[in-house]
């Protein structure tokens, strides 16, 4: 429910991303950071909107940059099988998982 999403974001446990064109919202994503025993992942909890194929790649790039700043090793998401085609993630049951390539110290400036 929207109230649950807002509570999650208000508590600082997730970030709400709004995709807009001018004054018009096209979509939204909610991303939380999950600390697993050996990895830190940005997890897309909710995503949806109008014409998602037109804006998802750009939103994904922004979320990847943001999650790297927070020390994440990759992005995880749960959803329908069709999300694997859209995100380029690997289907592992119902979880889509895409890890970032390793970086050298020169790339971390």
Protein backbone atom coordinates (compact mmCIF):
# COMPACT_ATOMS: atom_id res chain seq x y z
CA UNK A 1 0.00 0.00 0.00
CA UNK A 2 1.22 3.59 -0.61
CA UNK A 3 1.20 4.30 3.13
CA UNK A 4 3.56 1.37 3.72
CA UNK A 5 5.94 2.59 1.03
CA UNK A 6 5.94 6.11 2.46
CA UNK A 7 6.57 4.77 5.98
CA UNK A 8 9.52 2.72 4.69
CA UNK A 9 10.99 5.80 3.00
CA UNK A 10 10.23 8.14 5.91
CA UNK A 11 12.05 5.79 8.29
CA UNK A 12 15.16 6.15 6.12
CA UNK A 13 15.15 2.51 5.10
CA UNK A 14 14.45 3.13 1.41
CA UNK A 15 14.57 5.82 -1.25
CA UNK A 16 11.68 6.77 -3.51
CA UNK A 17 12.76 7.55 -7.07
CA UNK A 18 10.30 9.43 -9.27
CA UNK A 19 10.79 9.45 -13.03
CA UNK A 20 9.38 12.59 -14.60
CA UNK A 21 9.21 14.37 -17.90
CA UNK A 22 8.63 18.03 -17.20
CA UNK A 23 5.80 18.23 -14.65
CA UNK A 24 4.49 14.74 -15.47
CA UNK A 25 5.40 11.69 -13.42
CA UNK A 26 6.08 8.70 -15.67
CA UNK A 27 6.98 6.16 -13.03
CA UNK A 28 8.42 5.44 -9.63
CA UNK A 29 10.81 3.01 -8.00
CA UNK A 30 11.49 2.26 -4.35
CA UNK A 31 15.03 1.11 -3.57
CA UNK A 32 16.37 -0.15 -0.25
CA UNK A 33 19.87 -1.19 0.73
CA UNK A 34 20.21 -4.72 2.06
CA UNK A 35 23.29 -5.92 3.91
CA UNK A 36 23.78 -9.63 3.30
CA UNK A 37 26.56 -11.47 5.16
CA UNK A 38 29.01 -11.05 2.26
CA UNK A 39 27.48 -8.37 0.04
CA UNK A 40 25.63 -5.09 0.17
CA UNK A 41 22.93 -4.83 -2.49
CA UNK A 42 20.53 -2.14 -3.62
CA UNK A 43 17.17 -3.91 -3.82
CA UNK A 44 14.43 -2.53 -6.04
CA UNK A 45 11.33 -3.23 -3.96
CA UNK A 46 8.73 -1.63 -6.23
CA UNK A 47 8.86 -0.29 -9.79
CA UNK A 48 6.19 0.73 -12.20
CA UNK A 49 4.79 3.42 -14.39
CA UNK A 50 3.84 4.47 -17.88
CA UNK A 51 5.95 3.35 -20.87
CA UNK A 52 8.57 1.81 -18.58
CA UNK A 53 10.63 0.52 -21.52
CA UNK A 54 11.25 4.14 -22.53
CA UNK A 55 12.81 5.25 -19.24
CA UNK A 56 13.94 2.20 -17.27
CA UNK A 57 17.51 2.06 -18.65
CA UNK A 58 18.19 5.65 -17.60
CA UNK A 59 16.64 5.09 -14.16
CA UNK A 60 18.66 1.89 -13.74
CA UNK A 61 21.87 3.77 -14.54
CA UNK A 62 21.06 6.46 -11.94
CA UNK A 63 20.23 3.83 -9.31
CA UNK A 64 23.46 1.99 -10.08
CA UNK A 65 25.50 5.18 -9.60
CA UNK A 66 23.65 5.96 -6.35
CA UNK A 67 24.07 2.44 -5.01
CA UNK A 68 27.79 2.44 -5.76
CA UNK A 69 28.10 5.61 -3.65
CA UNK A 70 26.50 3.66 -0.80
CA UNK A 71 29.02 0.82 -1.18
CA UNK A 72 26.69 -1.66 -2.88
CA UNK A 73 28.04 -4.60 -4.87
CA UNK A 74 25.05 -4.77 -7.23
CA UNK A 75 21.32 -4.46 -7.68
CA UNK A 76 18.71 -7.07 -6.78
CA UNK A 77 15.01 -7.06 -7.61
CA UNK A 78 12.02 -9.30 -7.22
CA UNK A 79 9.30 -9.46 -9.82
CA UNK A 80 7.76 -11.18 -12.81
CA UNK A 81 9.92 -13.12 -15.27
CA UNK A 82 9.59 -10.29 -17.82
CA UNK A 83 11.75 -8.05 -15.61
CA UNK A 84 14.79 -10.20 -16.47
CA UNK A 85 14.54 -9.14 -20.13
CA UNK A 86 14.09 -5.47 -19.23
CA UNK A 87 16.81 -5.24 -16.59
CA UNK A 88 19.44 -7.56 -18.01
CA UNK A 89 19.44 -9.35 -14.67
CA UNK A 90 19.96 -13.07 -14.21
CA UNK A 91 16.85 -15.02 -13.23
CA UNK A 92 17.51 -16.84 -9.96
CA UNK A 93 14.12 -18.14 -8.91
CA UNK A 94 12.06 -14.99 -8.60
CA UNK A 95 14.99 -12.74 -7.73
CA UNK A 96 16.89 -10.78 -10.39
CA UNK A 97 20.53 -10.27 -9.47
CA UNK A 98 23.13 -8.17 -11.31
CA UNK A 99 26.51 -7.56 -9.74
CA UNK A 100 28.84 -4.69 -10.58
CA UNK A 101 32.19 -5.39 -12.16
CA UNK A 102 35.19 -5.11 -9.84
CA UNK A 103 36.90 -1.70 -9.81
CA UNK A 104 40.50 -0.72 -9.63
CA UNK A 105 41.55 2.13 -7.39
CA UNK A 106 41.92 4.41 -10.44
CA UNK A 107 38.21 3.96 -11.24
CA UNK A 108 37.11 4.93 -7.73
CA UNK A 109 37.85 8.68 -7.94
